[in-house]
Amino acid sequence: MRIHKEGYLVIAIAIIIWLLLNILVGLTEELYFRCFTLLATTPMLIFVLRFFRYPRRKIKLHPKSVLSPCDGQIVVIEETFEGEYFNDQRLQVSVFMSVYNVHINWMPVPGIVKYFKHHSGNFMAAYLPKSSTENERATTVIRMDDGTEILVRQIAGAVAKRIITYSKEGTTVSQNDELGFIRFGSRVDLFLPVGTKVNVELCQNVIGSQTVIADF
């Protein structure tokens, strides 16, 4: 199993803690206590390893489509006012990631990064509507070759405490590129032009870099 680079430090710390706990308990020579500690701590170590897994995926490029930026479930499809960059009505499509999903984020469209900003904020549950504007978040706007602009917003949740974004204004990106990584449960919002053909439904499970969210 491949591990994403954002998990190296966390996994190293988790392994050290796992080793120390089991070594210290092992010194007691209490068999039942040692077995209990091993059984209690090993699943947690496996969970951390699995959280930072880096799946091997062949990404088929769709230059006229929007690919899902992450694994998860569709929780919002609606027209709404986007007030940070566009200041007009946009079609919002949101994907919620549970702690069991792969948490790598991919670029949904090819183009040039025209805007990036990180916002400090709260850590309320990511599935709540207010989380899009009140939680810790990072906004990236990509301008496609035909001039269409897509806004991608990474949002922290009640458990997620760190948003990592690789976006830099002025850089050219493709759907092969990673947008970033969000640690421990979160969501990603897409803001598309009103009238965009959406190919997904509410509560549908999607796969990052694989599922075609919308077509232009």
Protein backbone atom coordinates (compact mmCIF):
# COMPACT_ATOMS: atom_id res chain seq x y z
CA MET A 1 0.00 0.00 0.00
CA ARG A 2 1.38 3.38 -0.99
CA ILE A 3 1.34 6.17 1.58
CA HIS A 4 0.80 9.83 0.71
CA LYS A 5 3.64 12.19 1.65
CA GLU A 6 1.34 14.17 3.95
CA GLY A 7 1.09 11.12 6.19
CA TYR A 8 4.80 10.42 6.73
CA LEU A 9 5.19 12.42 9.94
CA VAL A 10 1.82 11.43 11.42
CA ILE A 11 2.46 7.75 10.72
CA ALA A 12 5.97 7.91 12.19
CA ILE A 13 4.56 9.42 15.40
CA ALA A 14 1.77 6.81 15.50
CA ILE A 15 4.26 3.96 15.13
CA ILE A 16 6.50 5.34 17.88
CA ILE A 17 3.53 5.67 20.26
CA TRP A 18 2.35 2.16 19.36
CA LEU A 19 5.81 0.71 20.01
CA LEU A 20 6.32 2.58 23.29
CA LEU A 21 2.94 1.57 24.70
CA ASN A 22 3.38 -2.09 23.83
CA ILE A 23 6.99 -2.19 25.04
CA LEU A 24 6.13 -0.54 28.35
CA VAL A 25 3.15 -2.82 28.93
CA GLY A 26 5.29 -5.78 27.92
CA LEU A 27 7.62 -5.03 30.82
CA THR A 28 4.81 -5.78 33.27
CA GLU A 29 4.75 -9.44 32.13
CA GLU A 30 0.97 -9.42 32.57
CA LEU A 31 -0.16 -11.55 29.63
CA TYR A 32 -3.78 -10.42 29.56
CA PHE A 33 -2.82 -6.76 29.88
CA ARG A 34 -0.26 -7.12 27.08
CA CYS A 35 -2.81 -8.80 24.80
CA PHE A 36 -5.43 -6.16 25.57
CA THR A 37 -3.02 -3.32 24.80
CA LEU A 38 -1.92 -4.92 21.55
CA LEU A 39 -5.51 -5.52 20.46
CA ALA A 40 -6.56 -2.00 21.43
CA THR A 41 -3.69 -0.08 19.82
CA THR A 42 -3.14 -2.04 16.60
CA PRO A 43 -6.50 -1.13 14.98
CA MET A 44 -5.75 2.55 15.62
CA LEU A 45 -2.38 2.21 13.93
CA ILE A 46 -4.00 0.46 10.97
CA PHE A 47 -6.61 3.23 10.76
CA VAL A 48 -3.90 5.91 10.54
CA LEU A 49 -2.02 3.94 7.88
CA ARG A 50 -5.20 3.43 5.88
CA PHE A 51 -6.23 7.08 6.15
CA PHE A 52 -3.11 8.22 4.35
CA ARG A 53 -3.28 5.56 1.64
CA TYR A 54 -2.37 6.70 -1.86
CA PRO A 55 -4.33 4.62 -4.40
CA ARG A 56 -2.90 3.96 -7.84
CA ARG A 57 -5.37 5.45 -10.30
CA LYS A 58 -5.20 5.87 -14.04
CA ILE A 59 -6.70 9.29 -14.68
CA LYS A 60 -8.49 9.68 -18.01
CA LEU A 61 -8.39 13.36 -18.91
CA HIS A 62 -11.70 15.11 -19.70
CA PRO A 63 -10.77 18.68 -20.75
CA LYS A 64 -14.44 19.64 -21.28
CA SER A 65 -15.66 18.08 -18.04
CA VAL A 66 -15.37 18.49 -14.28
CA LEU A 67 -13.89 15.48 -12.50
CA SER A 68 -14.64 14.86 -8.85
CA PRO A 69 -11.95 16.54 -6.74
CA CYS A 70 -12.17 13.85 -4.05
CA ASP A 71 -13.71 10.60 -2.87
CA GLY A 72 -16.94 10.89 -0.94
CA GLN A 73 -20.68 11.46 -1.19
CA ILE A 74 -22.59 14.22 -2.98
CA VAL A 75 -24.36 16.27 -0.29
CA VAL A 76 -25.28 19.48 -2.16
CA ILE A 77 -26.49 20.27 -5.69
CA GLU A 78 -28.08 23.72 -5.79
CA GLU A 79 -27.85 27.24 -7.12
CA THR A 80 -26.41 29.63 -4.56
CA PHE A 81 -24.72 33.01 -4.26
CA GLU A 82 -20.93 32.79 -4.22
CA GLY A 83 -19.62 35.91 -2.49
CA GLU A 84 -15.86 35.46 -2.24
CA TYR A 85 -14.78 35.59 -5.88
CA PHE A 86 -17.66 35.58 -8.38
CA ASN A 87 -20.21 37.63 -6.42
CA ASP A 88 -23.06 36.12 -8.41
CA GLN A 89 -25.19 33.00 -8.65
CA ARG A 90 -23.35 29.72 -9.18
CA LEU A 91 -24.23 26.05 -9.25
CA GLN A 92 -22.76 24.47 -6.14
CA VAL A 93 -21.88 20.77 -6.01
CA SER A 94 -20.40 19.53 -2.72
CA VAL A 95 -18.67 16.26 -1.84
CA PHE A 96 -18.46 15.17 1.80
CA MET A 97 -15.54 12.97 2.83
CA SER A 98 -15.83 10.70 5.85
CA VAL A 99 -12.76 9.53 7.76
CA TYR A 100 -12.92 6.29 5.75
CA ASN A 101 -12.45 7.98 2.36
CA VAL A 102 -9.19 8.68 0.58
CA HIS A 103 -8.44 12.30 1.48
CA ILE A 104 -6.32 13.35 -1.47
CA ASN A 105 -7.84 16.21 -3.49
CA TRP A 106 -7.34 16.47 -7.25
CA MET A 107 -7.70 19.34 -9.71
CA PRO A 108 -11.20 18.99 -11.23
CA VAL A 109 -10.40 20.82 -14.48
CA PRO A 110 -7.32 21.83 -16.48
CA GLY A 111 -6.31 25.47 -16.73
CA ILE A 112 -4.49 28.26 -14.94
CA VAL A 113 -4.84 29.04 -11.23
CA LYS A 114 -6.17 32.60 -11.18
CA TYR A 115 -6.92 32.96 -7.48
CA PHE A 116 -6.01 31.29 -4.21
CA LYS A 117 -6.76 32.23 -0.61
CA HIS A 118 -6.71 30.42 2.72
CA HIS A 119 -9.26 31.46 5.37
CA SER A 120 -9.09 30.77 9.09
CA GLY A 121 -12.40 29.78 10.65
CA ASN A 122 -14.44 27.37 12.73
CA PHE A 123 -14.46 23.58 12.76
CA MET A 124 -18.18 22.77 12.72
CA ALA A 125 -19.43 19.60 11.01
CA ALA A 126 -18.49 19.79 7.31
CA TYR A 127 -21.91 18.61 6.09
CA LEU A 128 -23.60 21.76 7.49
CA PRO A 129 -24.34 24.52 4.91
CA LYS A 130 -22.63 27.21 7.02
CA SER A 131 -19.35 25.30 6.91
CA SER A 132 -18.78 26.55 3.36
CA THR A 133 -18.36 30.14 4.57
CA GLU A 134 -17.56 29.87 8.29
CA ASN A 135 -15.15 26.94 8.60
CA GLU A 136 -11.41 26.86 8.00
CA ARG A 137 -11.18 26.72 4.20
CA ALA A 138 -9.03 27.26 1.13
CA THR A 139 -10.35 28.61 -2.17
CA THR A 140 -8.81 27.95 -5.58
CA VAL A 141 -10.12 29.34 -8.87
CA ILE A 142 -9.06 27.71 -12.14
CA ARG A 143 -9.57 29.39 -15.51
CA MET A 144 -9.96 26.92 -18.37
CA ASP A 145 -8.72 27.51 -21.92
CA ASP A 146 -12.15 28.73 -23.08
CA GLY A 147 -12.31 31.29 -20.24
CA THR A 148 -14.67 29.32 -17.99
CA GLU A 149 -13.73 29.69 -14.32
CA ILE A 150 -14.30 26.99 -11.71
CA LEU A 151 -14.01 27.62 -7.98
CA VAL A 152 -12.91 24.75 -5.72
CA ARG A 153 -13.20 25.20 -1.96
CA GLN A 154 -11.59 22.80 0.50
CA ILE A 155 -13.37 22.90 3.85
CA ALA A 156 -12.25 21.61 7.23
CA GLY A 157 -14.72 19.75 9.42
CA ALA A 158 -15.27 18.98 13.09
CA VAL A 159 -12.34 16.54 13.05
CA ALA A 160 -10.23 17.97 10.20
CA LYS A 161 -7.70 20.42 11.59
CA ARG A 162 -5.43 21.01 8.64
CA ILE A 163 -6.06 21.88 5.00
CA ILE A 164 -3.07 21.44 2.69
CA THR A 165 -3.26 23.10 -0.73
CA TYR A 166 -0.66 23.05 -3.47
CA SER A 167 -2.29 25.83 -5.53
CA LYS A 168 -0.15 28.77 -6.62
CA GLU A 169 -1.55 31.65 -8.62
CA GLY A 170 -0.35 31.71 -12.19
CA THR A 171 0.53 28.02 -12.44
CA THR A 172 -0.86 25.76 -15.15
CA VAL A 173 -2.59 22.64 -13.82
CA SER A 174 -4.14 19.50 -15.28
CA GLN A 175 -6.57 16.89 -13.98
CA ASN A 176 -3.55 14.70 -13.23
CA ASP A 177 -2.38 17.18 -10.59
CA GLU A 178 -3.20 17.10 -6.90
CA LEU A 179 -5.02 20.05 -5.40
CA GLY A 180 -4.02 19.10 -1.86
CA PHE A 181 -4.96 17.00 1.16
CA ILE A 182 -7.34 17.48 4.11
CA ARG A 183 -6.64 15.62 7.32
CA PHE A 184 -9.39 13.64 9.05
CA GLY A 185 -12.84 14.31 7.58
CA SER A 186 -13.99 17.27 5.52
CA ARG A 187 -15.66 18.41 2.30
CA VAL A 188 -14.95 20.01 -1.07
CA ASP A 189 -17.30 22.48 -2.79
CA LEU A 190 -17.37 23.14 -6.52
CA PHE A 191 -18.91 26.35 -7.89
CA LEU A 192 -19.82 26.00 -11.55
CA PRO A 193 -21.57 28.31 -14.05
CA VAL A 194 -25.37 28.20 -13.75
CA GLY A 195 -26.76 25.88 -16.39
CA THR A 196 -23.85 23.44 -16.29
CA LYS A 197 -24.96 19.87 -17.01
CA VAL A 198 -24.54 17.88 -13.80
CA ASN A 199 -24.08 14.11 -14.09
CA VAL A 200 -24.38 13.16 -10.41
CA GLU A 201 -27.20 12.96 -7.88
CA LEU A 202 -27.58 13.68 -4.18
CA CYS A 203 -26.21 10.91 -1.94
CA GLN A 204 -24.25 9.41 -4.83
CA ASN A 205 -20.78 8.13 -3.98
CA VAL A 206 -18.05 9.55 -6.20
CA ILE A 207 -14.37 8.77 -6.76
CA GLY A 208 -11.78 11.49 -6.92
CA SER A 209 -10.19 12.03 -10.37
CA GLN A 210 -12.51 9.36 -11.83
CA THR A 211 -16.18 10.38 -11.58
CA VAL A 212 -17.34 13.00 -14.11
CA ILE A 213 -19.29 15.50 -12.02
CA ALA A 214 -20.39 17.78 -14.87
CA ASP A 215 -19.95 18.52 -18.58
CA PHE A 216 -19.71 21.84 -20.39
